[in-house]
Amino acid sequence: MPVINATLANNAITLNVAAGSPLASVGSAALVQASNTNVLVARVAQDTFNAMTAVCTHEACTVTRFASGTFQCPCHGSEYNTNGGVTKGPAPSSLRRFNTQLAGDVLTISL
């Protein structure tokens, strides 16, 4: 999964999603890193992004894989959909979601 370095300020992560970004097209996903925060972002529609913690709810590993519309934890195989819901255990619960807002080509994720 592509990694995007972003800016964290005032409990919000901002990043550019213009052409050339790993999140430029619908159906794409990336691991966004800002300071010590890792967030999974999926572009689910032209103007809609889902953002959630990249910390697996099983044993707190960082989710780093994305294939066929599914986020996958490399430690024990837990899988999540682009809404953060568990589709395959052993993860016991969904990933924590964050609000997103798109203004032009700038995506803001509120933590």
PDB file of N, CA and C in Angstrom:
ATOM      1  N   MET A   1       0.861  -1.171   0.000  1.00  0.00           N
ATOM      2  CA  MET A   1       0.000   0.000   0.000  1.00  0.00           C
ATOM      3  C   MET A   1       0.908   1.235   0.000  1.00  0.00           C
ATOM      4  N   PRO A   2       0.558   2.231  -0.796  1.00  0.00           N
ATOM      5  CA  PRO A   2       1.367   3.456  -0.808  1.00  0.00           C
ATOM      6  C   PRO A   2       1.331   4.172   0.546  1.00  0.00           C
ATOM      7  N   VAL A   3       2.428   4.852   0.855  1.00  0.00           N
ATOM      8  CA  VAL A   3       2.515   5.646   2.080  1.00  0.00           C
ATOM      9  C   VAL A   3       2.587   7.117   1.690  1.00  0.00           C
ATOM     10  N   ILE A   4       1.778   7.945   2.354  1.00  0.00           N
ATOM     11  CA  ILE A   4       1.772   9.382   2.121  1.00  0.00           C
ATOM     12  C   ILE A   4       2.203  10.069   3.408  1.00  0.00           C
ATOM     13  N   ASN A   5       3.184  10.931   3.331  1.00  0.00           N
ATOM     14  CA  ASN A   5       3.567  11.750   4.477  1.00  0.00           C
ATOM     15  C   ASN A   5       2.722  13.011   4.462  1.00  0.00           C
ATOM     16  N   ALA A   6       2.118  13.318   5.598  1.00  0.00           N
ATOM     17  CA  ALA A   6       1.201  14.452   5.683  1.00  0.00           C
ATOM     18  C   ALA A   6       1.566  15.331   6.877  1.00  0.00           C
ATOM     19  N   THR A   7       0.806  16.396   7.024  1.00  0.00           N
ATOM     20  CA  THR A   7       1.027  17.364   8.094  1.00  0.00           C
ATOM     21  C   THR A   7      -0.030  17.198   9.170  1.00  0.00           C
ATOM     22  N   LEU A   8       0.417  17.210  10.430  1.00  0.00           N
ATOM     23  CA  LEU A   8      -0.495  17.139  11.570  1.00  0.00           C
ATOM     24  C   LEU A   8      -0.382  18.435  12.359  1.00  0.00           C
ATOM     25  N   ALA A   9      -1.507  19.125  12.509  1.00  0.00           N
ATOM     26  CA  ALA A   9      -1.556  20.354  13.305  1.00  0.00           C
ATOM     27  C   ALA A   9      -2.972  20.527  13.852  1.00  0.00           C
ATOM     28  N   ASN A  10      -3.085  20.933  15.096  1.00  0.00           N
ATOM     29  CA  ASN A  10      -4.391  21.197  15.726  1.00  0.00           C
ATOM     30  C   ASN A  10      -5.341  20.005  15.613  1.00  0.00           C
ATOM     31  N   ASN A  11      -4.814  18.800  15.877  1.00  0.00           N
ATOM     32  CA  ASN A  11      -5.622  17.575  15.829  1.00  0.00           C
ATOM     33  C   ASN A  11      -6.238  17.309  14.460  1.00  0.00           C
ATOM     34  N   ALA A  12      -5.581  17.752  13.402  1.00  0.00           N
ATOM     35  CA  ALA A  12      -6.056  17.490  12.054  1.00  0.00           C
ATOM     36  C   ALA A  12      -4.871  17.179  11.143  1.00  0.00           C
ATOM     37  N   ILE A  13      -5.060  16.189  10.282  1.00  0.00           N
ATOM     38  CA  ILE A  13      -4.068  15.836   9.272  1.00  0.00           C
ATOM     39  C   ILE A  13      -4.542  16.414   7.950  1.00  0.00           C
ATOM     40  N   THR A  14      -3.628  17.075   7.224  1.00  0.00           N
ATOM     41  CA  THR A  14      -3.971  17.591   5.903  1.00  0.00           C
ATOM     42  C   THR A  14      -3.015  17.007   4.874  1.00  0.00           C
ATOM     43  N   LEU A  15      -3.578  16.700   3.691  1.00  0.00           N
ATOM     44  CA  LEU A  15      -2.778  16.180   2.591  1.00  0.00           C
ATOM     45  C   LEU A  15      -3.418  16.532   1.266  1.00  0.00           C
ATOM     46  N   ASN A  16      -2.593  16.559   0.233  1.00  0.00           N
ATOM     47  CA  ASN A  16      -3.055  16.882  -1.110  1.00  0.00           C
ATOM     48  C   ASN A  16      -3.442  15.588  -1.820  1.00  0.00           C
ATOM     49  N   VAL A  17      -4.597  15.580  -2.482  1.00  0.00           N
ATOM     50  CA  VAL A  17      -5.071  14.395  -3.192  1.00  0.00           C
ATOM     51  C   VAL A  17      -5.279  14.687  -4.683  1.00  0.00           C
ATOM     52  N   ALA A  18      -4.487  15.615  -5.217  1.00  0.00           N
ATOM     53  CA  ALA A  18      -4.582  15.980  -6.634  1.00  0.00           C
ATOM     54  C   ALA A  18      -4.049  14.838  -7.500  1.00  0.00           C
ATOM     55  N   ALA A  19      -4.112  15.033  -8.812  1.00  0.00           N
ATOM     56  CA  ALA A  19      -3.584  14.054  -9.757  1.00  0.00           C
ATOM     57  C   ALA A  19      -2.151  13.720  -9.377  1.00  0.00           C
ATOM     58  N   GLY A  20      -1.812  12.460  -9.446  1.00  0.00           N
ATOM     59  CA  GLY A  20      -0.478  12.030  -9.051  1.00  0.00           C
ATOM     60  C   GLY A  20      -0.428  11.489  -7.638  1.00  0.00           C
ATOM     61  N   SER A  21      -1.411  11.829  -6.817  1.00  0.00           N
ATOM     62  CA  SER A  21      -1.481  11.299  -5.459  1.00  0.00           C
ATOM     63  C   SER A  21      -1.920   9.832  -5.518  1.00  0.00           C
ATOM     64  N   PRO A  22      -1.441   8.999  -4.582  1.00  0.00           N
ATOM     65  CA  PRO A  22      -1.945   7.621  -4.511  1.00  0.00           C
ATOM     66  C   PRO A  22      -3.455   7.554  -4.248  1.00  0.00           C
ATOM     67  N   LEU A  23      -4.045   8.662  -3.790  1.00  0.00           N
ATOM     68  CA  LEU A  23      -5.492   8.707  -3.524  1.00  0.00           C
ATOM     69  C   LEU A  23      -6.264   9.455  -4.607  1.00  0.00           C
ATOM     70  N   ALA A  24      -5.667   9.632  -5.788  1.00  0.00           N
ATOM     71  CA  ALA A  24      -6.298  10.414  -6.849  1.00  0.00           C
ATOM     72  C   ALA A  24      -7.521   9.734  -7.455  1.00  0.00           C
ATOM     73  N   SER A  25      -7.596   8.416  -7.412  1.00  0.00           N
ATOM     74  CA  SER A  25      -8.713   7.730  -8.066  1.00  0.00           C
ATOM     75  C   SER A  25      -9.593   6.982  -7.074  1.00  0.00           C
ATOM     76  N   VAL A  26     -10.879   6.878  -7.420  1.00  0.00           N
ATOM     77  CA  VAL A  26     -11.844   6.147  -6.601  1.00  0.00           C
ATOM     78  C   VAL A  26     -11.408   4.683  -6.545  1.00  0.00           C
ATOM     79  N   GLY A  27     -11.469   4.099  -5.350  1.00  0.00           N
ATOM     80  CA  GLY A  27     -11.059   2.714  -5.155  1.00  0.00           C
ATOM     81  C   GLY A  27      -9.640   2.577  -4.644  1.00  0.00           C
ATOM     82  N   SER A  28      -8.933   3.699  -4.545  1.00  0.00           N
ATOM     83  CA  SER A  28      -7.552   3.665  -4.066  1.00  0.00           C
ATOM     84  C   SER A  28      -7.504   3.775  -2.546  1.00  0.00           C
ATOM     85  N   ALA A  29      -6.327   3.457  -1.993  1.00  0.00           N
ATOM     86  CA  ALA A  29      -6.125   3.550  -0.544  1.00  0.00           C
ATOM     87  C   ALA A  29      -4.660   3.833  -0.266  1.00  0.00           C
ATOM     88  N   ALA A  30      -4.396   4.399   0.899  1.00  0.00           N
ATOM     89  CA  ALA A  30      -3.023   4.700   1.294  1.00  0.00           C
ATOM     90  C   ALA A  30      -2.921   4.704   2.818  1.00  0.00           C
ATOM     91  N   LEU A  31      -1.694   4.503   3.277  1.00  0.00           N
ATOM     92  CA  LEU A  31      -1.366   4.668   4.682  1.00  0.00           C
ATOM     93  C   LEU A  31      -0.809   6.078   4.819  1.00  0.00           C
ATOM     94  N   VAL A  32      -1.500   6.916   5.580  1.00  0.00           N
ATOM     95  CA  VAL A  32      -1.079   8.304   5.759  1.00  0.00           C
ATOM     96  C   VAL A  32      -0.345   8.410   7.088  1.00  0.00           C
ATOM     97  N   GLN A  33       0.872   8.961   7.027  1.00  0.00           N
ATOM     98  CA  GLN A  33       1.685   9.123   8.226  1.00  0.00           C
ATOM     99  C   GLN A  33       1.894  10.596   8.507  1.00  0.00           C
ATOM    100  N   ALA A  34       1.643  10.987   9.758  1.00  0.00           N
ATOM    101  CA  ALA A  34       1.847  12.372  10.199  1.00  0.00           C
ATOM    102  C   ALA A  34       2.300  12.315  11.647  1.00  0.00           C
ATOM    103  N   SER A  35       3.485  12.829  11.916  1.00  0.00           N
ATOM    104  CA  SER A  35       4.093  12.716  13.248  1.00  0.00           C
ATOM    105  C   SER A  35       4.125  11.240  13.625  1.00  0.00           C
ATOM    106  N   ASN A  36       3.581  10.883  14.769  1.00  0.00           N
ATOM    107  CA  ASN A  36       3.539   9.481  15.188  1.00  0.00           C
ATOM    108  C   ASN A  36       2.170   8.859  14.966  1.00  0.00           C
ATOM    109  N   THR A  37       1.406   9.397  14.023  1.00  0.00           N
ATOM    110  CA  THR A  37       0.048   8.944  13.767  1.00  0.00           C
ATOM    111  C   THR A  37      -0.030   8.260  12.409  1.00  0.00           C
ATOM    112  N   ASN A  38      -0.624   7.067  12.377  1.00  0.00           N
ATOM    113  CA  ASN A  38      -0.839   6.335  11.134  1.00  0.00           C
ATOM    114  C   ASN A  38      -2.336   6.187  10.900  1.00  0.00           C
ATOM    115  N   VAL A  39      -2.791   6.614   9.716  1.00  0.00           N
ATOM    116  CA  VAL A  39      -4.207   6.577   9.379  1.00  0.00           C
ATOM    117  C   VAL A  39      -4.369   5.906   8.020  1.00  0.00           C
ATOM    118  N   LEU A  40      -5.339   4.996   7.935  1.00  0.00           N
ATOM    119  CA  LEU A  40      -5.692   4.393   6.654  1.00  0.00           C
ATOM    120  C   LEU A  40      -6.727   5.279   5.987  1.00  0.00           C
ATOM    121  N   VAL A  41      -6.541   5.553   4.698  1.00  0.00           N
ATOM    122  CA  VAL A  41      -7.503   6.371   3.961  1.00  0.00           C
ATOM    123  C   VAL A  41      -7.894   5.625   2.696  1.00  0.00           C
ATOM    124  N   ALA A  42      -9.201   5.531   2.458  1.00  0.00           N
ATOM    125  CA  ALA A  42      -9.725   4.921   1.238  1.00  0.00           C
ATOM    126  C   ALA A  42     -10.594   5.945   0.523  1.00  0.00           C
ATOM    127  N   ARG A  43     -10.408   6.069  -0.794  1.00  0.00           N
ATOM    128  CA  ARG A  43     -11.267   6.958  -1.583  1.00  0.00           C
ATOM    129  C   ARG A  43     -12.415   6.099  -2.094  1.00  0.00           C
ATOM    130  N   VAL A  44     -13.595   6.296  -1.534  1.00  0.00           N
ATOM    131  CA  VAL A  44     -14.736   5.444  -1.840  1.00  0.00           C
ATOM    132  C   VAL A  44     -15.692   6.045  -2.874  1.00  0.00           C
ATOM    133  N   ALA A  45     -15.553   7.331  -3.143  1.00  0.00           N
ATOM    134  CA  ALA A  45     -16.320   8.010  -4.188  1.00  0.00           C
ATOM    135  C   ALA A  45     -15.523   9.245  -4.594  1.00  0.00           C
ATOM    136  N   GLN A  46     -15.951   9.933  -5.629  1.00  0.00           N
ATOM    137  CA  GLN A  46     -15.176  11.060  -6.140  1.00  0.00           C
ATOM    138  C   GLN A  46     -14.867  12.090  -5.054  1.00  0.00           C
ATOM    139  N   ASP A  47     -15.843  12.391  -4.209  1.00  0.00           N
ATOM    140  CA  ASP A  47     -15.652  13.389  -3.156  1.00  0.00           C
ATOM    141  C   ASP A  47     -15.765  12.802  -1.752  1.00  0.00           C
ATOM    142  N   THR A  48     -15.608  11.479  -1.621  1.00  0.00           N
ATOM    143  CA  THR A  48     -15.791  10.827  -0.329  1.00  0.00           C
ATOM    144  C   THR A  48     -14.581   9.972   0.031  1.00  0.00           C
ATOM    145  N   PHE A  49     -14.046  10.232   1.216  1.00  0.00           N
ATOM    146  CA  PHE A  49     -12.913   9.478   1.737  1.00  0.00           C
ATOM    147  C   PHE A  49     -13.288   8.899   3.089  1.00  0.00           C
ATOM    148  N   ASN A  50     -12.868   7.671   3.360  1.00  0.00           N
ATOM    149  CA  ASN A  50     -13.012   7.085   4.684  1.00  0.00           C
ATOM    150  C   ASN A  50     -11.634   7.053   5.313  1.00  0.00           C
ATOM    151  N   ALA A  51     -11.546   7.501   6.542  1.00  0.00           N
ATOM    152  CA  ALA A  51     -10.269   7.495   7.271  1.00  0.00           C
ATOM    153  C   ALA A  51     -10.472   6.782   8.596  1.00  0.00           C
ATOM    154  N   MET A  52      -9.488   5.960   8.963  1.00  0.00           N
ATOM    155  CA  MET A  52      -9.573   5.190  10.195  1.00  0.00           C
ATOM    156  C   MET A  52      -8.178   4.911  10.723  1.00  0.00           C
ATOM    157  N   THR A  53      -8.094   4.602  11.992  1.00  0.00           N
ATOM    158  CA  THR A  53      -6.799   4.294  12.578  1.00  0.00           C
ATOM    159  C   THR A  53      -6.186   3.096  11.860  1.00  0.00           C
ATOM    160  N   ALA A  54      -4.857   3.086  11.760  1.00  0.00           N
ATOM    161  CA  ALA A  54      -4.156   1.958  11.147  1.00  0.00           C
ATOM    162  C   ALA A  54      -3.718   0.947  12.199  1.00  0.00           C
ATOM    163  N   VAL A  55      -4.206   1.101  13.422  1.00  0.00           N
ATOM    164  CA  VAL A  55      -3.845   0.197  14.516  1.00  0.00           C
ATOM    165  C   VAL A  55      -4.876  -0.930  14.588  1.00  0.00           C
ATOM    166  N   CYS A  56      -4.415  -2.148  14.303  1.00  0.00           N
ATOM    167  CA  CYS A  56      -5.304  -3.311  14.326  1.00  0.00           C
ATOM    168  C   CYS A  56      -5.879  -3.495  15.729  1.00  0.00           C
ATOM    169  N   THR A  57      -7.155  -3.848  15.796  1.00  0.00           N
ATOM    170  CA  THR A  57      -7.819  -4.014  17.092  1.00  0.00           C
ATOM    171  C   THR A  57      -7.498  -5.356  17.738  1.00  0.00           C
ATOM    172  N   HIS A  58      -6.730  -6.209  17.067  1.00  0.00           N
ATOM    173  CA  HIS A  58      -6.361  -7.495  17.651  1.00  0.00           C
ATOM    174  C   HIS A  58      -5.191  -7.344  18.617  1.00  0.00           C
ATOM    175  N   GLU A  59      -4.002  -6.970  18.104  1.00  0.00           N
ATOM    176  CA  GLU A  59      -2.847  -6.807  18.985  1.00  0.00           C
ATOM    177  C   GLU A  59      -2.047  -5.554  18.662  1.00  0.00           C
ATOM    178  N   ALA A  60      -2.719  -4.549  18.126  1.00  0.00           N
ATOM    179  CA  ALA A  60      -2.155  -3.214  17.900  1.00  0.00           C
ATOM    180  C   ALA A  60      -1.019  -3.161  16.869  1.00  0.00           C
ATOM    181  N   CYS A  61      -0.987  -4.104  15.942  1.00  0.00           N
ATOM    182  CA  CYS A  61      -0.037  -4.012  14.827  1.00  0.00           C
ATOM    183  C   CYS A  61      -0.526  -2.919  13.874  1.00  0.00           C
ATOM    184  N   THR A  62       0.376  -2.381  13.051  1.00  0.00           N
ATOM    185  CA  THR A  62      -0.016  -1.390  12.056  1.00  0.00           C
ATOM    186  C   THR A  62      -0.475  -2.102  10.785  1.00  0.00           C
ATOM    187  N   VAL A  63      -1.690  -1.788  10.360  1.00  0.00           N
ATOM    188  CA  VAL A  63      -2.234  -2.362   9.126  1.00  0.00           C
ATOM    189  C   VAL A  63      -1.521  -1.696   7.951  1.00  0.00           C
ATOM    190  N   THR A  64      -0.890  -2.508   7.100  1.00  0.00           N
ATOM    191  CA  THR A  64      -0.043  -1.956   6.040  1.00  0.00           C
ATOM    192  C   THR A  64      -0.365  -2.465   4.644  1.00  0.00           C
ATOM    193  N   ARG A  65      -1.356  -3.329   4.516  1.00  0.00           N
ATOM    194  CA  ARG A  65      -1.652  -3.912   3.202  1.00  0.00           C
ATOM    195  C   ARG A  65      -3.067  -3.551   2.762  1.00  0.00           C
ATOM    196  N   PHE A  66      -3.216  -3.437   1.428  1.00  0.00           N
ATOM    197  CA  PHE A  66      -4.536  -3.182   0.846  1.00  0.00           C
ATOM    198  C   PHE A  66      -4.610  -3.945  -0.466  1.00  0.00           C
ATOM    199  N   ALA A  67      -5.595  -4.819  -0.585  1.00  0.00           N
ATOM    200  CA  ALA A  67      -5.786  -5.581  -1.821  1.00  0.00           C
ATOM    201  C   ALA A  67      -7.259  -5.911  -1.989  1.00  0.00           C
ATOM    202  N   SER A  68      -7.756  -5.809  -3.209  1.00  0.00           N
ATOM    203  CA  SER A  68      -9.148  -6.157  -3.529  1.00  0.00           C
ATOM    204  C   SER A  68     -10.146  -5.470  -2.602  1.00  0.00           C
ATOM    205  N   GLY A  69      -9.895  -4.195  -2.286  1.00  0.00           N
ATOM    206  CA  GLY A  69     -10.820  -3.425  -1.466  1.00  0.00           C
ATOM    207  C   GLY A  69     -10.788  -3.768   0.007  1.00  0.00           C
ATOM    208  N   THR A  70      -9.727  -4.460   0.453  1.00  0.00           N
ATOM    209  CA  THR A  70      -9.643  -4.904   1.838  1.00  0.00           C
ATOM    210  C   THR A  70      -8.305  -4.495   2.449  1.00  0.00           C
ATOM    211  N   PHE A  71      -8.373  -3.915   3.655  1.00  0.00           N
ATOM    212  CA  PHE A  71      -7.162  -3.628   4.426  1.00  0.00           C
ATOM    213  C   PHE A  71      -6.788  -4.900   5.173  1.00  0.00           C
ATOM    214  N   GLN A  72      -5.478  -5.208   5.192  1.00  0.00           N
ATOM    215  CA  GLN A  72      -5.031  -6.451   5.813  1.00  0.00           C
ATOM    216  C   GLN A  72      -3.918  -6.175   6.810  1.00  0.00           C
ATOM    217  N   CYS A  73      -4.034  -6.797   7.995  1.00  0.00           N
ATOM    218  CA  CYS A  73      -2.996  -6.680   9.013  1.00  0.00           C
ATOM    219  C   CYS A  73      -1.945  -7.758   8.763  1.00  0.00           C
ATOM    220  N   PRO A  74      -0.663  -7.372   8.705  1.00  0.00           N
ATOM    221  CA  PRO A  74       0.383  -8.352   8.414  1.00  0.00           C
ATOM    222  C   PRO A  74       0.703  -9.293   9.575  1.00  0.00           C
ATOM    223  N   CYS A  75       0.269  -8.978  10.780  1.00  0.00           N
ATOM    224  CA  CYS A  75       0.662  -9.781  11.946  1.00  0.00           C
ATOM    225  C   CYS A  75      -0.107 -11.100  12.071  1.00  0.00           C
ATOM    226  N   HIS A  76      -1.433 -11.045  12.046  1.00  0.00           N
ATOM    227  CA  HIS A  76      -2.227 -12.254  12.265  1.00  0.00           C
ATOM    228  C   HIS A  76      -3.351 -12.415  11.246  1.00  0.00           C
ATOM    229  N   GLY A  77      -3.346 -11.600  10.182  1.00  0.00           N
ATOM    230  CA  GLY A  77      -4.288 -11.806   9.084  1.00  0.00           C
ATOM    231  C   GLY A  77      -5.657 -11.178   9.218  1.00  0.00           C
ATOM    232  N   SER A  78      -5.870 -10.330  10.211  1.00  0.00           N
ATOM    233  CA  SER A  78      -7.174  -9.657  10.300  1.00  0.00           C
ATOM    234  C   SER A  78      -7.388  -8.814   9.050  1.00  0.00           C
ATOM    235  N   GLU A  79      -8.647  -8.717   8.629  1.00  0.00           N
ATOM    236  CA  GLU A  79      -8.987  -7.922   7.455  1.00  0.00           C
ATOM    237  C   GLU A  79     -10.157  -6.994   7.780  1.00  0.00           C
ATOM    238  N   TYR A  80     -10.113  -5.813   7.126  1.00  0.00           N
ATOM    239  CA  TYR A  80     -11.135  -4.786   7.337  1.00  0.00           C
ATOM    240  C   TYR A  80     -11.595  -4.254   5.988  1.00  0.00           C
ATOM    241  N   ASN A  81     -12.880  -3.869   5.899  1.00  0.00           N
ATOM    242  CA  ASN A  81     -13.362  -3.232   4.675  1.00  0.00           C
ATOM    243  C   ASN A  81     -13.007  -1.748   4.704  1.00  0.00           C
ATOM    244  N   THR A  82     -13.354  -1.039   3.638  1.00  0.00           N
ATOM    245  CA  THR A  82     -12.981   0.379   3.540  1.00  0.00           C
ATOM    246  C   THR A  82     -13.791   1.267   4.485  1.00  0.00           C
ATOM    247  N   ASN A  83     -14.723   0.694   5.241  1.00  0.00           N
ATOM    248  CA  ASN A  83     -15.426   1.418   6.300  1.00  0.00           C
ATOM    249  C   ASN A  83     -14.795   1.143   7.654  1.00  0.00           C
ATOM    250  N   GLY A  84     -13.763   0.274   7.687  1.00  0.00           N
ATOM    251  CA  GLY A  84     -13.111  -0.083   8.937  1.00  0.00           C
ATOM    252  C   GLY A  84     -13.717  -1.281   9.637  1.00  0.00           C
ATOM    253  N   GLY A  85     -14.768  -1.875   9.056  1.00  0.00           N
ATOM    254  CA  GLY A  85     -15.414  -3.034   9.660  1.00  0.00           C
ATOM    255  C   GLY A  85     -14.598  -4.303   9.470  1.00  0.00           C
ATOM    256  N   VAL A  86     -14.624  -5.173  10.477  1.00  0.00           N
ATOM    257  CA  VAL A  86     -13.900  -6.444  10.411  1.00  0.00           C
ATOM    258  C   VAL A  86     -14.584  -7.365   9.409  1.00  0.00           C
ATOM    259  N   THR A  87     -13.800  -7.896   8.458  1.00  0.00           N
ATOM    260  CA  THR A  87     -14.329  -8.888   7.518  1.00  0.00           C
ATOM    261  C   THR A  87     -13.707 -10.257   7.766  1.00  0.00           C
ATOM    262  N   LYS A  88     -12.598 -10.295   8.518  1.00  0.00           N
ATOM    263  CA  LYS A  88     -11.945 -11.551   8.877  1.00  0.00           C
ATOM    264  C   LYS A  88     -11.150 -11.333  10.161  1.00  0.00           C
ATOM    265  N   GLY A  89     -11.384 -12.194  11.151  1.00  0.00           N
ATOM    266  CA  GLY A  89     -10.684 -12.097  12.429  1.00  0.00           C
ATOM    267  C   GLY A  89      -9.256 -12.559  12.317  1.00  0.00           C
ATOM    268  N   PRO A  90      -8.561 -12.462  13.443  1.00  0.00           N
ATOM    269  CA  PRO A  90      -9.032 -12.459  14.830  1.00  0.00           C
ATOM    270  C   PRO A  90      -9.388 -11.088  15.418  1.00  0.00           C
ATOM    271  N   ALA A  91      -9.321 -10.011  14.654  1.00  0.00           N
ATOM    272  CA  ALA A  91      -9.664  -8.691  15.210  1.00  0.00           C
ATOM    273  C   ALA A  91     -11.068  -8.729  15.813  1.00  0.00           C
ATOM    274  N   PRO A  92     -11.221  -8.221  17.061  1.00  0.00           N
ATOM    275  CA  PRO A  92     -12.504  -8.288  17.736  1.00  0.00           C
ATOM    276  C   PRO A  92     -13.460  -7.138  17.405  1.00  0.00           C
ATOM    277  N   SER A  93     -12.928  -6.039  16.865  1.00  0.00           N
ATOM    278  CA  SER A  93     -13.806  -4.889  16.620  1.00  0.00           C
ATOM    279  C   SER A  93     -13.295  -4.049  15.459  1.00  0.00           C
ATOM    280  N   SER A  94     -14.155  -3.168  14.993  1.00  0.00           N
ATOM    281  CA  SER A  94     -13.849  -2.292  13.856  1.00  0.00           C
ATOM    282  C   SER A  94     -12.744  -1.301  14.195  1.00  0.00           C
ATOM    283  N   LEU A  95     -12.123  -0.759  13.157  1.00  0.00           N
ATOM    284  CA  LEU A  95     -11.133   0.300  13.318  1.00  0.00           C
ATOM    285  C   LEU A  95     -11.844   1.605  13.655  1.00  0.00           C
ATOM    286  N   ARG A  96     -11.222   2.432  14.477  1.00  0.00           N
ATOM    287  CA  ARG A  96     -11.812   3.726  14.850  1.00  0.00           C
ATOM    288  C   ARG A  96     -11.790   4.657  13.648  1.00  0.00           C
ATOM    289  N   ARG A  97     -12.945   5.248  13.340  1.00  0.00           N
ATOM    290  CA  ARG A  97     -13.093   6.126  12.174  1.00  0.00           C
ATOM    291  C   ARG A  97     -12.856   7.587  12.549  1.00  0.00           C
ATOM    292  N   PHE A  98     -12.427   8.362  11.546  1.00  0.00           N
ATOM    293  CA  PHE A  98     -12.228   9.804  11.697  1.00  0.00           C
ATOM    294  C   PHE A  98     -13.036  10.525  10.642  1.00  0.00           C
ATOM    295  N   ASN A  99     -13.483  11.742  10.951  1.00  0.00           N
ATOM    296  CA  ASN A  99     -14.200  12.563   9.986  1.00  0.00           C
ATOM    297  C   ASN A  99     -13.225  13.123   8.960  1.00  0.00           C
ATOM    298  N   THR A 100     -13.695  13.240   7.717  1.00  0.00           N
ATOM    299  CA  THR A 100     -12.883  13.801   6.636  1.00  0.00           C
ATOM    300  C   THR A 100     -13.639  14.925   5.955  1.00  0.00           C
ATOM    301  N   GLN A 101     -12.873  15.844   5.377  1.00  0.00           N
ATOM    302  CA  GLN A 101     -13.473  16.946   4.616  1.00  0.00           C
ATOM    303  C   GLN A 101     -12.550  17.256   3.446  1.00  0.00           C
ATOM    304  N   LEU A 102     -13.134  17.337   2.247  1.00  0.00           N
ATOM    305  CA  LEU A 102     -12.375  17.659   1.046  1.00  0.00           C
ATOM    306  C   LEU A 102     -12.701  19.082   0.618  1.00  0.00           C
ATOM    307  N   ALA A 103     -11.665  19.894   0.434  1.00  0.00           N
ATOM    308  CA  ALA A 103     -11.818  21.271  -0.048  1.00  0.00           C
ATOM    309  C   ALA A 103     -10.828  21.446  -1.196  1.00  0.00           C
ATOM    310  N   GLY A 104     -11.337  21.461  -2.412  1.00  0.00           N
ATOM    311  CA  GLY A 104     -10.450  21.498  -3.565  1.00  0.00           C
ATOM    312  C   GLY A 104      -9.698  20.186  -3.636  1.00  0.00           C
ATOM    313  N   ASP A 105      -8.370  20.241  -3.613  1.00  0.00           N
ATOM    314  CA  ASP A 105      -7.543  19.032  -3.631  1.00  0.00           C
ATOM    315  C   ASP A 105      -6.947  18.709  -2.267  1.00  0.00           C
ATOM    316  N   VAL A 106      -7.432  19.384  -1.219  1.00  0.00           N
ATOM    317  CA  VAL A 106      -6.878  19.171   0.121  1.00  0.00           C
ATOM    318  C   VAL A 106      -7.869  18.380   0.977  1.00  0.00           C
ATOM    319  N   LEU A 107      -7.389  17.252   1.473  1.00  0.00           N
ATOM    320  CA  LEU A 107      -8.188  16.412   2.367  1.00  0.00           C
ATOM    321  C   LEU A 107      -7.759  16.691   3.804  1.00  0.00           C
ATOM    322  N   THR A 108      -8.746  16.940   4.663  1.00  0.00           N
ATOM    323  CA  THR A 108      -8.495  17.151   6.087  1.00  0.00           C
ATOM    324  C   THR A 108      -9.124  16.007   6.859  1.00  0.00           C
ATOM    325  N   ILE A 109      -8.332  15.408   7.737  1.00  0.00           N
ATOM    326  CA  ILE A 109      -8.792  14.314   8.587  1.00  0.00           C
ATOM    327  C   ILE A 109      -8.774  14.818  10.021  1.00  0.00           C
ATOM    328  N   SER A 110      -9.937  14.870  10.657  1.00  0.00           N
ATOM    329  CA  SER A 110     -10.036  15.359  12.034  1.00  0.00           C
ATOM    330  C   SER A 110      -9.837  14.203  13.004  1.00  0.00           C
ATOM    331  N   LEU A 111      -8.832  14.331  13.858  1.00  0.00           N
ATOM    332  CA  LEU A 111      -8.529  13.263  14.829  1.00  0.00           C
ATOM    333  C   LEU A 111      -9.271  13.452  16.132  1.00  0.00           C
TER     334      LEU A 111
END
